[in-house]
Amino acid sequence: MNTINVQEAKTHLSHYLDEVAKGESFILCKRNKPVAEIRPIATKSHEKRPIGLAKGTFSVPASFFDELPDETIALFSGEEQ
């Protein structure tokens, strides 16, 4: 990782942006003290995520759909019993 001073970055900004676009990172210094890091932004994947990736890896029991007990519902609403 390269270190550059603010004045140098201002003078050669286009050059450093080209380097960042290629994947290079820089530490930006003010009076030789690091104050910021200039690095490329991570690109997002443009592929659509397929549906059903976890199909067949787990099953939901029928009891999952049973009504919750009154004590549990009271906990969600902040009531004490």
Protein backbone atom coordinates (compact mmCIF):
# COMPACT_ATOMS: atom_id res chain seq x y z
CA MET A 1 0.00 0.00 0.00
CA ASN A 2 1.42 3.34 -1.06
CA THR A 3 1.45 6.54 1.00
CA ILE A 4 0.73 9.93 -0.58
CA ASN A 5 0.41 13.43 0.85
CA VAL A 6 -2.65 15.62 0.28
CA GLN A 7 -0.83 18.06 -2.01
CA GLU A 8 0.46 15.23 -4.18
CA ALA A 9 -3.02 13.69 -4.35
CA LYS A 10 -4.55 17.03 -5.37
CA THR A 11 -1.94 17.55 -8.07
CA HIS A 12 -2.18 14.04 -9.56
CA LEU A 13 -5.75 13.03 -8.66
CA SER A 14 -6.58 11.57 -12.09
CA HIS A 15 -3.47 9.39 -12.01
CA TYR A 16 -4.27 8.04 -8.54
CA LEU A 17 -7.90 7.38 -9.47
CA ASP A 18 -6.70 5.34 -12.45
CA GLU A 19 -4.48 3.32 -10.11
CA VAL A 20 -7.36 2.79 -7.68
CA ALA A 21 -9.53 1.58 -10.58
CA LYS A 22 -6.84 -1.04 -11.26
CA GLY A 23 -7.09 -2.26 -7.64
CA GLU A 24 -4.32 -0.25 -5.95
CA SER A 25 -4.87 1.24 -2.47
CA PHE A 26 -3.34 4.38 -0.99
CA ILE A 27 -2.93 5.89 2.46
CA LEU A 28 -3.62 9.64 2.32
CA CYS A 29 -1.45 11.64 4.73
CA LYS A 30 -1.65 15.18 6.04
CA ARG A 31 1.73 16.44 7.22
CA ASN A 32 3.00 12.85 7.04
CA LYS A 33 0.29 11.53 9.38
CA PRO A 34 -2.19 9.01 7.94
CA VAL A 35 -5.74 10.37 7.83
CA ALA A 36 -7.57 8.28 5.23
CA GLU A 37 -7.39 5.25 3.01
CA ILE A 38 -8.28 5.42 -0.67
CA ARG A 39 -9.22 2.03 -2.05
CA PRO A 40 -11.45 0.56 -4.74
CA ILE A 41 -15.10 -0.13 -3.99
CA ALA A 42 -15.99 -3.81 -4.01
CA THR A 43 -18.07 -4.71 -7.04
CA LYS A 44 -21.40 -6.44 -6.63
CA SER A 45 -22.24 -9.63 -8.41
CA HIS A 46 -24.70 -9.05 -11.24
CA GLU A 47 -25.88 -12.65 -11.32
CA LYS A 48 -29.35 -13.30 -9.99
CA ARG A 49 -29.37 -15.57 -7.00
CA PRO A 50 -31.12 -18.86 -7.81
CA ILE A 51 -34.27 -19.72 -5.88
CA GLY A 52 -34.27 -22.86 -3.75
CA LEU A 53 -30.61 -23.13 -2.78
CA ALA A 54 -31.51 -24.84 0.52
CA LYS A 55 -34.21 -27.10 -0.89
CA GLY A 56 -34.17 -30.45 0.83
CA THR A 57 -31.67 -29.49 3.54
CA PHE A 58 -34.25 -28.96 6.30
CA SER A 59 -37.94 -29.48 6.99
CA VAL A 60 -40.42 -27.38 8.92
CA PRO A 61 -42.36 -29.42 11.50
CA ALA A 62 -46.16 -29.13 11.51
CA SER A 63 -46.02 -27.80 15.09
CA PHE A 64 -44.33 -24.66 13.73
CA PHE A 65 -47.74 -23.42 12.58
CA ASP A 66 -49.47 -24.07 15.94
CA GLU A 67 -50.76 -21.05 17.83
CA LEU A 68 -48.31 -19.62 20.35
CA PRO A 69 -49.10 -19.95 24.06
CA ASP A 70 -50.47 -16.84 25.80
CA GLU A 71 -47.28 -16.52 27.89
CA THR A 72 -45.14 -16.25 24.75
CA ILE A 73 -47.45 -13.70 23.13
CA ALA A 74 -47.32 -11.64 26.33
CA LEU A 75 -43.51 -11.59 26.12
CA PHE A 76 -43.65 -10.15 22.60
CA SER A 77 -46.05 -7.37 23.65
CA GLY A 78 -43.99 -6.49 26.74
CA GLU A 79 -46.62 -7.63 29.20
CA GLU A 80 -45.59 -9.40 32.39
CA GLN A 81 -47.46 -12.37 33.75
